[in-house]
């Protein structure tokens, strides 16, 4: 459930930014759904599912906001492998080789010392 709550928080922030951009008339509208990547397959499956079973039955109704945005096609939640998460170097300790690969993939520098 913690991963799903993290998806909820990311969805709230994404929708806030989307509404801010359109509200300030930076662009007329945003037609494509917000794409959110998650490395937890259970959270992705729960977000994209219409049924409430198991732990989902005891979930606070505010967290159903994620499912509503998915159903309205305002949000697309996709699974991404942990090894492909670019933010990992900022959230956990990694072996030097893995860290260097992530830094290069983010385009922060070409080569590390």
PDB file of N, CA and C in Angstrom:
ATOM      1  N   UNK A   1       0.802  -1.199   0.000  1.00  0.00           N
ATOM      2  CA  UNK A   1       0.000   0.000   0.000  1.00  0.00           C
ATOM      3  C   UNK A   1       0.849   1.269   0.000  1.00  0.00           C
ATOM      4  N   UNK A   2       2.025   1.222   0.608  1.00  0.00           N
ATOM      5  CA  UNK A   2       2.876   2.419   0.665  1.00  0.00           C
ATOM      6  C   UNK A   2       3.257   2.888  -0.735  1.00  0.00           C
ATOM      7  N   UNK A   3       3.544   1.953  -1.623  1.00  0.00           N
ATOM      8  CA  UNK A   3       3.896   2.329  -2.997  1.00  0.00           C
ATOM      9  C   UNK A   3       2.706   2.969  -3.707  1.00  0.00           C
ATOM     10  N   UNK A   4       1.512   2.453  -3.454  1.00  0.00           N
ATOM     11  CA  UNK A   4       0.319   3.031  -4.078  1.00  0.00           C
ATOM     12  C   UNK A   4       0.075   4.445  -3.554  1.00  0.00           C
ATOM     13  N   UNK A   5       0.315   4.657  -2.277  1.00  0.00           N
ATOM     14  CA  UNK A   5       0.158   5.997  -1.702  1.00  0.00           C
ATOM     15  C   UNK A   5       1.182   6.950  -2.314  1.00  0.00           C
ATOM     16  N   UNK A   6       2.381   6.445  -2.608  1.00  0.00           N
ATOM     17  CA  UNK A   6       3.382   7.268  -3.301  1.00  0.00           C
ATOM     18  C   UNK A   6       2.899   7.616  -4.711  1.00  0.00           C
ATOM     19  N   UNK A   7       2.240   6.671  -5.379  1.00  0.00           N
ATOM     20  CA  UNK A   7       1.662   6.938  -6.704  1.00  0.00           C
ATOM     21  C   UNK A   7       0.587   8.021  -6.582  1.00  0.00           C
ATOM     22  N   UNK A   8      -0.217   7.934  -5.527  1.00  0.00           N
ATOM     23  CA  UNK A   8      -1.251   8.951  -5.279  1.00  0.00           C
ATOM     24  C   UNK A   8      -0.617  10.335  -5.120  1.00  0.00           C
ATOM     25  N   UNK A   9       0.434  10.420  -4.311  1.00  0.00           N
ATOM     26  CA  UNK A   9       1.100  11.712  -4.094  1.00  0.00           C
ATOM     27  C   UNK A   9       1.688  12.262  -5.387  1.00  0.00           C
ATOM     28  N   UNK A  10       2.324  11.400  -6.170  1.00  0.00           N
ATOM     29  CA  UNK A  10       2.892  11.840  -7.450  1.00  0.00           C
ATOM     30  C   UNK A  10       1.786  12.292  -8.402  1.00  0.00           C
ATOM     31  N   UNK A  11       0.659  11.589  -8.379  1.00  0.00           N
ATOM     32  CA  UNK A  11      -0.480  11.970  -9.222  1.00  0.00           C
ATOM     33  C   UNK A  11      -1.001  13.345  -8.836  1.00  0.00           C
ATOM     34  N   UNK A  12      -1.135  13.589  -7.540  1.00  0.00           N
ATOM     35  CA  UNK A  12      -1.615  14.899  -7.072  1.00  0.00           C
ATOM     36  C   UNK A  12      -0.690  16.015  -7.537  1.00  0.00           C
ATOM     37  N   UNK A  13       0.617  15.807  -7.403  1.00  0.00           N
ATOM     38  CA  UNK A  13       1.574  16.826  -7.837  1.00  0.00           C
ATOM     39  C   UNK A  13       1.525  17.022  -9.350  1.00  0.00           C
ATOM     40  N   UNK A  14       1.447  15.929 -10.087  1.00  0.00           N
ATOM     41  CA  UNK A  14       1.372  16.020 -11.547  1.00  0.00           C
ATOM     42  C   UNK A  14       0.129  16.752 -12.022  1.00  0.00           C
ATOM     43  N   UNK A  15      -1.009  16.445 -11.411  1.00  0.00           N
ATOM     44  CA  UNK A  15      -2.259  17.118 -11.785  1.00  0.00           C
ATOM     45  C   UNK A  15      -2.215  18.600 -11.406  1.00  0.00           C
ATOM     46  N   UNK A  16      -1.583  18.911 -10.280  1.00  0.00           N
ATOM     47  CA  UNK A  16      -1.441  20.308  -9.866  1.00  0.00           C
ATOM     48  C   UNK A  16      -0.639  21.093 -10.900  1.00  0.00           C
ATOM     49  N   UNK A  17       0.481  20.532 -11.336  1.00  0.00           N
ATOM     50  CA  UNK A  17       1.319  21.203 -12.338  1.00  0.00           C
ATOM     51  C   UNK A  17       0.569  21.316 -13.663  1.00  0.00           C
ATOM     52  N   UNK A  18      -0.133  20.258 -14.041  1.00  0.00           N
ATOM     53  CA  UNK A  18      -0.916  20.286 -15.286  1.00  0.00           C
ATOM     54  C   UNK A  18      -1.964  21.401 -15.242  1.00  0.00           C
ATOM     55  N   UNK A  19      -2.690  21.501 -14.133  1.00  0.00           N
ATOM     56  CA  UNK A  19      -3.713  22.539 -13.983  1.00  0.00           C
ATOM     57  C   UNK A  19      -3.098  23.932 -13.930  1.00  0.00           C
ATOM     58  N   UNK A  20      -1.921  24.053 -13.321  1.00  0.00           N
ATOM     59  CA  UNK A  20      -1.228  25.339 -13.253  1.00  0.00           C
ATOM     60  C   UNK A  20      -0.827  25.802 -14.653  1.00  0.00           C
ATOM     61  N   UNK A  21      -0.255  24.897 -15.433  1.00  0.00           N
ATOM     62  CA  UNK A  21       0.193  25.230 -16.792  1.00  0.00           C
ATOM     63  C   UNK A  21      -0.984  25.660 -17.666  1.00  0.00           C
ATOM     64  N   UNK A  22      -2.085  24.926 -17.593  1.00  0.00           N
ATOM     65  CA  UNK A  22      -3.243  25.301 -18.412  1.00  0.00           C
ATOM     66  C   UNK A  22      -3.956  26.521 -17.842  1.00  0.00           C
ATOM     67  N   UNK A  23      -3.975  26.661 -16.523  1.00  0.00           N
ATOM     68  CA  UNK A  23      -4.627  27.809 -15.895  1.00  0.00           C
ATOM     69  C   UNK A  23      -3.927  29.119 -16.183  1.00  0.00           C
ATOM     70  N   UNK A  24      -2.604  29.079 -16.290  1.00  0.00           N
ATOM     71  CA  UNK A  24      -1.829  30.282 -16.608  1.00  0.00           C
ATOM     72  C   UNK A  24      -1.774  30.541 -18.110  1.00  0.00           C
ATOM     73  N   UNK A  25      -2.461  29.707 -18.874  1.00  0.00           N
ATOM     74  CA  UNK A  25      -2.523  29.841 -20.338  1.00  0.00           C
ATOM     75  C   UNK A  25      -1.143  29.727 -20.997  1.00  0.00           C
ATOM     76  N   UNK A  26      -0.264  28.953 -20.365  1.00  0.00           N
ATOM     77  CA  UNK A  26       1.043  28.686 -20.970  1.00  0.00           C
ATOM     78  C   UNK A  26       0.826  27.880 -22.247  1.00  0.00           C
ATOM     79  N   UNK A  27      -0.109  26.954 -22.182  1.00  0.00           N
ATOM     80  CA  UNK A  27      -0.593  26.225 -23.355  1.00  0.00           C
ATOM     81  C   UNK A  27      -2.115  26.214 -23.272  1.00  0.00           C
ATOM     82  N   UNK A  28      -2.779  26.074 -24.398  1.00  0.00           N
ATOM     83  CA  UNK A  28      -4.243  26.072 -24.396  1.00  0.00           C
ATOM     84  C   UNK A  28      -4.815  24.858 -23.675  1.00  0.00           C
ATOM     85  N   UNK A  29      -4.251  23.698 -23.965  1.00  0.00           N
ATOM     86  CA  UNK A  29      -4.714  22.480 -23.300  1.00  0.00           C
ATOM     87  C   UNK A  29      -3.625  21.423 -23.398  1.00  0.00           C
ATOM     88  N   UNK A  30      -3.743  20.422 -22.579  1.00  0.00           N
ATOM     89  CA  UNK A  30      -2.826  19.283 -22.615  1.00  0.00           C
ATOM     90  C   UNK A  30      -3.682  18.070 -22.940  1.00  0.00           C
ATOM     91  N   UNK A  31      -3.513  17.552 -24.144  1.00  0.00           N
ATOM     92  CA  UNK A  31      -4.388  16.469 -24.600  1.00  0.00           C
ATOM     93  C   UNK A  31      -3.885  15.084 -24.197  1.00  0.00           C
ATOM     94  N   UNK A  32      -2.584  14.935 -24.048  1.00  0.00           N
ATOM     95  CA  UNK A  32      -2.044  13.620 -23.705  1.00  0.00           C
ATOM     96  C   UNK A  32      -2.138  13.371 -22.204  1.00  0.00           C
ATOM     97  N   UNK A  33      -2.309  12.112 -21.817  1.00  0.00           N
ATOM     98  CA  UNK A  33      -2.345  11.820 -20.382  1.00  0.00           C
ATOM     99  C   UNK A  33      -0.963  11.989 -19.748  1.00  0.00           C
ATOM    100  N   UNK A  34      -0.961  12.356 -18.488  1.00  0.00           N
ATOM    101  CA  UNK A  34       0.269  12.435 -17.713  1.00  0.00           C
ATOM    102  C   UNK A  34       0.814  11.022 -17.579  1.00  0.00           C
ATOM    103  N   UNK A  35       2.091  10.823 -17.879  1.00  0.00           N
ATOM    104  CA  UNK A  35       2.689   9.495 -17.797  1.00  0.00           C
ATOM    105  C   UNK A  35       3.481   9.401 -16.499  1.00  0.00           C
ATOM    106  N   UNK A  36       3.144   8.422 -15.687  1.00  0.00           N
ATOM    107  CA  UNK A  36       3.784   8.216 -14.396  1.00  0.00           C
ATOM    108  C   UNK A  36       4.414   6.832 -14.395  1.00  0.00           C
ATOM    109  N   UNK A  37       5.688   6.753 -14.039  1.00  0.00           N
ATOM    110  CA  UNK A  37       6.393   5.476 -13.997  1.00  0.00           C
ATOM    111  C   UNK A  37       6.514   5.009 -12.556  1.00  0.00           C
ATOM    112  N   UNK A  38       6.319   3.713 -12.344  1.00  0.00           N
ATOM    113  CA  UNK A  38       6.390   3.131 -11.006  1.00  0.00           C
ATOM    114  C   UNK A  38       7.134   1.805 -11.097  1.00  0.00           C
ATOM    115  N   UNK A  39       8.009   1.544 -10.127  1.00  0.00           N
ATOM    116  CA  UNK A  39       8.775   0.300 -10.148  1.00  0.00           C
ATOM    117  C   UNK A  39       8.130  -0.797  -9.293  1.00  0.00           C
ATOM    118  N   UNK A  40       6.880  -0.611  -8.912  1.00  0.00           N
ATOM    119  CA  UNK A  40       6.168  -1.607  -8.125  1.00  0.00           C
ATOM    120  C   UNK A  40       4.984  -2.120  -8.945  1.00  0.00           C
ATOM    121  N   UNK A  41       5.075  -3.364  -9.395  1.00  0.00           N
ATOM    122  CA  UNK A  41       4.040  -3.905 -10.284  1.00  0.00           C
ATOM    123  C   UNK A  41       2.681  -4.005  -9.594  1.00  0.00           C
ATOM    124  N   UNK A  42       2.655  -4.245  -8.289  1.00  0.00           N
ATOM    125  CA  UNK A  42       1.376  -4.321  -7.575  1.00  0.00           C
ATOM    126  C   UNK A  42       0.684  -2.962  -7.558  1.00  0.00           C
ATOM    127  N   UNK A  43       1.445  -1.899  -7.336  1.00  0.00           N
ATOM    128  CA  UNK A  43       0.869  -0.549  -7.326  1.00  0.00           C
ATOM    129  C   UNK A  43       0.358  -0.174  -8.713  1.00  0.00           C
ATOM    130  N   UNK A  44       1.093  -0.556  -9.755  1.00  0.00           N
ATOM    131  CA  UNK A  44       0.663  -0.274 -11.132  1.00  0.00           C
ATOM    132  C   UNK A  44      -0.626  -1.033 -11.431  1.00  0.00           C
ATOM    133  N   UNK A  45      -0.662  -2.309 -11.082  1.00  0.00           N
ATOM    134  CA  UNK A  45      -1.843  -3.134 -11.330  1.00  0.00           C
ATOM    135  C   UNK A  45      -3.054  -2.606 -10.562  1.00  0.00           C
ATOM    136  N   UNK A  46      -2.860  -2.252  -9.305  1.00  0.00           N
ATOM    137  CA  UNK A  46      -3.951  -1.732  -8.479  1.00  0.00           C
ATOM    138  C   UNK A  46      -4.474  -0.414  -9.039  1.00  0.00           C
ATOM    139  N   UNK A  47      -3.572   0.426  -9.527  1.00  0.00           N
ATOM    140  CA  UNK A  47      -3.962   1.729 -10.082  1.00  0.00           C
ATOM    141  C   UNK A  47      -4.772   1.581 -11.359  1.00  0.00           C
ATOM    142  N   UNK A  48      -4.435   0.580 -12.157  1.00  0.00           N
ATOM    143  CA  UNK A  48      -5.095   0.390 -13.448  1.00  0.00           C
ATOM    144  C   UNK A  48      -6.313  -0.522 -13.378  1.00  0.00           C
ATOM    145  N   UNK A  49      -6.597  -1.074 -12.198  1.00  0.00           N
ATOM    146  CA  UNK A  49      -7.703  -2.019 -12.029  1.00  0.00           C
ATOM    147  C   UNK A  49      -8.984  -1.300 -11.612  1.00  0.00           C
ATOM    148  N   UNK A  50     -10.115  -1.847 -12.015  1.00  0.00           N
ATOM    149  CA  UNK A  50     -11.412  -1.294 -11.624  1.00  0.00           C
ATOM    150  C   UNK A  50     -12.005  -2.001 -10.415  1.00  0.00           C
ATOM    151  N   UNK A  51     -11.442  -3.149 -10.038  1.00  0.00           N
ATOM    152  CA  UNK A  51     -12.019  -3.918  -8.943  1.00  0.00           C
ATOM    153  C   UNK A  51     -11.338  -3.594  -7.620  1.00  0.00           C
ATOM    154  N   UNK A  52     -12.073  -3.721  -6.540  1.00  0.00           N
ATOM    155  CA  UNK A  52     -11.539  -3.496  -5.197  1.00  0.00           C
ATOM    156  C   UNK A  52     -11.541  -4.815  -4.451  1.00  0.00           C
ATOM    157  N   UNK A  53     -10.364  -5.371  -4.267  1.00  0.00           N
ATOM    158  CA  UNK A  53     -10.243  -6.622  -3.533  1.00  0.00           C
ATOM    159  C   UNK A  53      -9.079  -6.509  -2.568  1.00  0.00           C
ATOM    160  N   UNK A  54      -9.038  -7.394  -1.596  1.00  0.00           N
ATOM    161  CA  UNK A  54      -7.929  -7.445  -0.660  1.00  0.00           C
ATOM    162  C   UNK A  54      -7.744  -6.155   0.108  1.00  0.00           C
ATOM    163  N   UNK A  55      -6.508  -5.685   0.147  1.00  0.00           N
ATOM    164  CA  UNK A  55      -6.173  -4.482   0.908  1.00  0.00           C
ATOM    165  C   UNK A  55      -6.865  -3.245   0.359  1.00  0.00           C
ATOM    166  N   UNK A  56      -7.221  -3.262  -0.909  1.00  0.00           N
ATOM    167  CA  UNK A  56      -7.888  -2.117  -1.525  1.00  0.00           C
ATOM    168  C   UNK A  56      -9.237  -1.800  -0.905  1.00  0.00           C
ATOM    169  N   UNK A  57      -9.856  -2.798  -0.289  1.00  0.00           N
ATOM    170  CA  UNK A  57     -11.150  -2.571   0.352  1.00  0.00           C
ATOM    171  C   UNK A  57     -11.035  -1.630   1.544  1.00  0.00           C
ATOM    172  N   UNK A  58      -9.861  -1.573   2.155  1.00  0.00           N
ATOM    173  CA  UNK A  58      -9.663  -0.772   3.361  1.00  0.00           C
ATOM    174  C   UNK A  58      -8.940   0.537   3.077  1.00  0.00           C
ATOM    175  N   UNK A  59      -8.817   0.880   1.833  1.00  0.00           N
ATOM    176  CA  UNK A  59      -8.103   2.081   1.422  1.00  0.00           C
ATOM    177  C   UNK A  59      -9.004   3.301   1.548  1.00  0.00           C
ATOM    178  N   UNK A  60      -8.454   4.392   2.048  1.00  0.00           N
ATOM    179  CA  UNK A  60      -9.205   5.644   2.161  1.00  0.00           C
ATOM    180  C   UNK A  60      -9.681   6.064   0.771  1.00  0.00           C
ATOM    181  N   UNK A  61     -10.889   6.567   0.693  1.00  0.00           N
ATOM    182  CA  UNK A  61     -11.481   6.897  -0.610  1.00  0.00           C
ATOM    183  C   UNK A  61     -10.708   7.967  -1.372  1.00  0.00           C
ATOM    184  N   UNK A  62      -9.944   8.812  -0.677  1.00  0.00           N
ATOM    185  CA  UNK A  62      -9.197   9.851  -1.395  1.00  0.00           C
ATOM    186  C   UNK A  62      -8.166   9.247  -2.342  1.00  0.00           C
ATOM    187  N   UNK A  63      -7.672   8.049  -2.014  1.00  0.00           N
ATOM    188  CA  UNK A  63      -6.663   7.423  -2.863  1.00  0.00           C
ATOM    189  C   UNK A  63      -7.250   6.884  -4.166  1.00  0.00           C
ATOM    190  N   UNK A  64      -8.569   6.805  -4.257  1.00  0.00           N
ATOM    191  CA  UNK A  64      -9.211   6.366  -5.496  1.00  0.00           C
ATOM    192  C   UNK A  64      -9.108   7.429  -6.581  1.00  0.00           C
ATOM    193  N   UNK A  65      -8.625   8.602  -6.216  1.00  0.00           N
ATOM    194  CA  UNK A  65      -8.347   9.695  -7.152  1.00  0.00           C
ATOM    195  C   UNK A  65      -7.479   9.202  -8.309  1.00  0.00           C
ATOM    196  N   UNK A  66      -6.516   8.336  -8.003  1.00  0.00           N
ATOM    197  CA  UNK A  66      -5.608   7.808  -9.029  1.00  0.00           C
ATOM    198  C   UNK A  66      -6.399   7.014 -10.064  1.00  0.00           C
ATOM    199  N   UNK A  67      -7.232   6.102  -9.604  1.00  0.00           N
ATOM    200  CA  UNK A  67      -8.035   5.288 -10.528  1.00  0.00           C
ATOM    201  C   UNK A  67      -8.963   6.159 -11.371  1.00  0.00           C
ATOM    202  N   UNK A  68      -9.531   7.186 -10.756  1.00  0.00           N
ATOM    203  CA  UNK A  68     -10.421   8.085 -11.494  1.00  0.00           C
ATOM    204  C   UNK A  68      -9.671   8.789 -12.617  1.00  0.00           C
ATOM    205  N   UNK A  69      -8.445   9.247 -12.347  1.00  0.00           N
ATOM    206  CA  UNK A  69      -7.657   9.924 -13.379  1.00  0.00           C
ATOM    207  C   UNK A  69      -7.286   8.951 -14.491  1.00  0.00           C
ATOM    208  N   UNK A  70      -7.001   7.691 -14.148  1.00  0.00           N
ATOM    209  CA  UNK A  70      -6.688   6.673 -15.162  1.00  0.00           C
ATOM    210  C   UNK A  70      -7.919   6.422 -16.026  1.00  0.00           C
ATOM    211  N   UNK A  71      -9.088   6.273 -15.399  1.00  0.00           N
ATOM    212  CA  UNK A  71     -10.324   6.024 -16.146  1.00  0.00           C
ATOM    213  C   UNK A  71     -10.683   7.195 -17.058  1.00  0.00           C
ATOM    214  N   UNK A  72     -10.381   8.426 -16.622  1.00  0.00           N
ATOM    215  CA  UNK A  72     -10.669   9.620 -17.425  1.00  0.00           C
ATOM    216  C   UNK A  72      -9.625   9.860 -18.508  1.00  0.00           C
ATOM    217  N   UNK A  73      -8.623   8.986 -18.565  1.00  0.00           N
ATOM    218  CA  UNK A  73      -7.520   9.098 -19.520  1.00  0.00           C
ATOM    219  C   UNK A  73      -6.696  10.376 -19.309  1.00  0.00           C
ATOM    220  N   UNK A  74      -6.633  10.846 -18.068  1.00  0.00           N
ATOM    221  CA  UNK A  74      -5.769  11.971 -17.712  1.00  0.00           C
ATOM    222  C   UNK A  74      -4.431  11.494 -17.174  1.00  0.00           C
ATOM    223  N   UNK A  75      -4.329  10.184 -16.905  1.00  0.00           N
ATOM    224  CA  UNK A  75      -3.145   9.617 -16.277  1.00  0.00           C
ATOM    225  C   UNK A  75      -2.881   8.238 -16.846  1.00  0.00           C
ATOM    226  N   UNK A  76      -1.620   7.958 -17.097  1.00  0.00           N
ATOM    227  CA  UNK A  76      -1.192   6.642 -17.569  1.00  0.00           C
ATOM    228  C   UNK A  76      -0.070   6.186 -16.642  1.00  0.00           C
ATOM    229  N   UNK A  77      -0.278   5.074 -15.951  1.00  0.00           N
ATOM    230  CA  UNK A  77       0.737   4.568 -15.030  1.00  0.00           C
ATOM    231  C   UNK A  77       1.373   3.347 -15.667  1.00  0.00           C
ATOM    232  N   UNK A  78       2.689   3.394 -15.805  1.00  0.00           N
ATOM    233  CA  UNK A  78       3.419   2.304 -16.446  1.00  0.00           C
ATOM    234  C   UNK A  78       4.482   1.759 -15.509  1.00  0.00           C
ATOM    235  N   UNK A  79       4.712   0.463 -15.626  1.00  0.00           N
ATOM    236  CA  UNK A  79       5.758  -0.185 -14.845  1.00  0.00           C
ATOM    237  C   UNK A  79       7.109   0.099 -15.485  1.00  0.00           C
ATOM    238  N   UNK A  80       8.088   0.353 -14.650  1.00  0.00           N
ATOM    239  CA  UNK A  80       9.465   0.500 -15.117  1.00  0.00           C
ATOM    240  C   UNK A  80      10.359  -0.247 -14.131  1.00  0.00           C
ATOM    241  N   UNK A  81      11.311  -0.968 -14.645  1.00  0.00           N
ATOM    242  CA  UNK A  81      12.219  -1.741 -13.805  1.00  0.00           C
ATOM    243  C   UNK A  81      13.029  -0.820 -12.895  1.00  0.00           C
ATOM    244  N   UNK A  82      13.335  -1.300 -11.714  1.00  0.00           N
ATOM    245  CA  UNK A  82      14.119  -0.514 -10.765  1.00  0.00           C
ATOM    246  C   UNK A  82      15.457  -0.114 -11.365  1.00  0.00           C
ATOM    247  N   UNK A  83      16.050  -0.999 -12.166  1.00  0.00           N
ATOM    248  CA  UNK A  83      17.365  -0.675 -12.736  1.00  0.00           C
ATOM    249  C   UNK A  83      17.292   0.450 -13.767  1.00  0.00           C
ATOM    250  N   UNK A  84      16.095   0.723 -14.283  1.00  0.00           N
ATOM    251  CA  UNK A  84      15.923   1.788 -15.264  1.00  0.00           C
ATOM    252  C   UNK A  84      15.466   3.112 -14.655  1.00  0.00           C
ATOM    253  N   UNK A  85      15.264   3.139 -13.349  1.00  0.00           N
ATOM    254  CA  UNK A  85      14.828   4.367 -12.678  1.00  0.00           C
ATOM    255  C   UNK A  85      16.007   5.333 -12.571  1.00  0.00           C
ATOM    256  N   UNK A  86      15.905   6.464 -13.242  1.00  0.00           N
ATOM    257  CA  UNK A  86      16.999   7.431 -13.235  1.00  0.00           C
ATOM    258  C   UNK A  86      17.171   8.114 -11.889  1.00  0.00           C
ATOM    259  N   UNK A  87      16.140   8.157 -11.071  1.00  0.00           N
ATOM    260  CA  UNK A  87      16.221   8.856  -9.792  1.00  0.00           C
ATOM    261  C   UNK A  87      16.917   8.028  -8.712  1.00  0.00           C
ATOM    262  N   UNK A  88      17.206   6.770  -8.959  1.00  0.00           N
ATOM    263  CA  UNK A  88      17.803   5.919  -7.939  1.00  0.00           C
ATOM    264  C   UNK A  88      19.073   6.483  -7.297  1.00  0.00           C
ATOM    265  N   UNK A  89      19.990   7.099  -8.052  1.00  0.00           N
ATOM    266  CA  UNK A  89      21.191   7.622  -7.395  1.00  0.00           C
ATOM    267  C   UNK A  89      20.872   8.691  -6.352  1.00  0.00           C
ATOM    268  N   UNK A  90      19.717   9.314  -6.460  1.00  0.00           N
ATOM    269  CA  UNK A  90      19.357  10.367  -5.511  1.00  0.00           C
ATOM    270  C   UNK A  90      18.612   9.830  -4.300  1.00  0.00           C
ATOM    271  N   UNK A  91      18.214   8.569  -4.334  1.00  0.00           N
ATOM    272  CA  UNK A  91      17.410   8.030  -3.244  1.00  0.00           C
ATOM    273  C   UNK A  91      18.071   6.892  -2.483  1.00  0.00           C
ATOM    274  N   UNK A  92      19.129   6.305  -3.029  1.00  0.00           N
ATOM    275  CA  UNK A  92      19.765   5.178  -2.338  1.00  0.00           C
ATOM    276  C   UNK A  92      21.217   5.037  -2.756  1.00  0.00           C
ATOM    277  N   UNK A  93      21.963   4.366  -1.925  1.00  0.00           N
ATOM    278  CA  UNK A  93      23.359   4.104  -2.245  1.00  0.00           C
ATOM    279  C   UNK A  93      23.460   3.032  -3.315  1.00  0.00           C
ATOM    280  N   UNK A  94      24.291   3.271  -4.306  1.00  0.00           N
ATOM    281  CA  UNK A  94      24.469   2.318  -5.396  1.00  0.00           C
ATOM    282  C   UNK A  94      25.950   2.024  -5.581  1.00  0.00           C
ATOM    283  N   UNK A  95      26.277   0.857  -6.137  1.00  0.00           N
ATOM    284  CA  UNK A  95      27.673   0.580  -6.470  1.00  0.00           C
ATOM    285  C   UNK A  95      28.178   1.619  -7.478  1.00  0.00           C
ATOM    286  N   UNK A  96      29.472   1.947  -7.441  1.00  0.00           N
ATOM    287  CA  UNK A  96      30.012   2.996  -8.315  1.00  0.00           C
ATOM    288  C   UNK A  96      29.679   2.829  -9.796  1.00  0.00           C
ATOM    289  N   UNK A  97      29.779   1.623 -10.329  1.00  0.00           N
ATOM    290  CA  UNK A  97      29.500   1.406 -11.760  1.00  0.00           C
ATOM    291  C   UNK A  97      28.045   1.747 -12.091  1.00  0.00           C
ATOM    292  N   UNK A  98      27.121   1.301 -11.261  1.00  0.00           N
ATOM    293  CA  UNK A  98      25.691   1.569 -11.484  1.00  0.00           C
ATOM    294  C   UNK A  98      25.424   3.064 -11.352  1.00  0.00           C
ATOM    295  N   UNK A  99      26.046   3.689 -10.349  1.00  0.00           N
ATOM    296  CA  UNK A  99      25.887   5.134 -10.143  1.00  0.00           C
ATOM    297  C   UNK A  99      26.365   5.909 -11.373  1.00  0.00           C
ATOM    298  N   UNK A 100      27.538   5.548 -11.881  1.00  0.00           N
ATOM    299  CA  UNK A 100      28.093   6.227 -13.059  1.00  0.00           C
ATOM    300  C   UNK A 100      27.169   6.077 -14.269  1.00  0.00           C
ATOM    301  N   UNK A 101      26.601   4.897 -14.447  1.00  0.00           N
ATOM    302  CA  UNK A 101      25.690   4.671 -15.576  1.00  0.00           C
ATOM    303  C   UNK A 101      24.452   5.563 -15.458  1.00  0.00           C
ATOM    304  N   UNK A 102      23.906   5.665 -14.261  1.00  0.00           N
ATOM    305  CA  UNK A 102      22.735   6.529 -14.051  1.00  0.00           C
ATOM    306  C   UNK A 102      23.072   7.994 -14.319  1.00  0.00           C
ATOM    307  N   UNK A 103      24.220   8.443 -13.847  1.00  0.00           N
ATOM    308  CA  UNK A 103      24.624   9.841 -14.046  1.00  0.00           C
ATOM    309  C   UNK A 103      24.788  10.130 -15.537  1.00  0.00           C
ATOM    310  N   UNK A 104      25.384   9.196 -16.276  1.00  0.00           N
ATOM    311  CA  UNK A 104      25.533   9.369 -17.721  1.00  0.00           C
ATOM    312  C   UNK A 104      24.169   9.391 -18.417  1.00  0.00           C
ATOM    313  N   UNK A 105      23.262   8.505 -18.010  1.00  0.00           N
ATOM    314  CA  UNK A 105      21.920   8.452 -18.614  1.00  0.00           C
ATOM    315  C   UNK A 105      21.116   9.722 -18.359  1.00  0.00           C
ATOM    316  N   UNK A 106      21.380  10.391 -17.242  1.00  0.00           N
ATOM    317  CA  UNK A 106      20.693  11.649 -16.943  1.00  0.00           C
ATOM    318  C   UNK A 106      21.300  12.807 -17.718  1.00  0.00           C
ATOM    319  N   UNK A 107      22.463  12.569 -18.340  1.00  0.00           N
ATOM    320  CA  UNK A 107      23.120  13.619 -19.110  1.00  0.00           C
ATOM    321  C   UNK A 107      23.827  14.644 -18.247  1.00  0.00           C
ATOM    322  N   UNK A 108      24.163  14.259 -17.015  1.00  0.00           N
ATOM    323  CA  UNK A 108      24.815  15.205 -16.112  1.00  0.00           C
ATOM    324  C   UNK A 108      26.292  15.384 -16.435  1.00  0.00           C
ATOM    325  N   UNK A 109      26.932  14.332 -16.909  1.00  0.00           N
ATOM    326  CA  UNK A 109      28.324  14.442 -17.349  1.00  0.00           C
ATOM    327  C   UNK A 109      28.646  13.245 -18.235  1.00  0.00           C
ATOM    328  N   UNK A 110      29.684  13.412 -19.039  1.00  0.00           N
ATOM    329  CA  UNK A 110      30.056  12.337 -19.960  1.00  0.00           C
ATOM    330  C   UNK A 110      30.835  11.247 -19.248  1.00  0.00           C
ATOM    331  N   UNK A 111      31.864  11.639 -18.519  1.00  0.00           N
ATOM    332  CA  UNK A 111      32.696  10.665 -17.818  1.00  0.00           C
ATOM    333  C   UNK A 111      32.966  11.142 -16.405  1.00  0.00           C
ATOM    334  N   UNK A 112      32.934  10.205 -15.489  1.00  0.00           N
ATOM    335  CA  UNK A 112      33.298  10.514 -14.113  1.00  0.00           C
ATOM    336  C   UNK A 112      34.764  10.177 -13.919  1.00  0.00           C
ATOM    337  N   UNK A 113      35.361  10.804 -12.980  1.00  0.00           N
ATOM    338  CA  UNK A 113      36.799  10.586 -12.731  1.00  0.00           C
ATOM    339  C   UNK A 113      37.058   9.180 -12.285  1.00  0.00           C
TER     340      UNK A 113
END
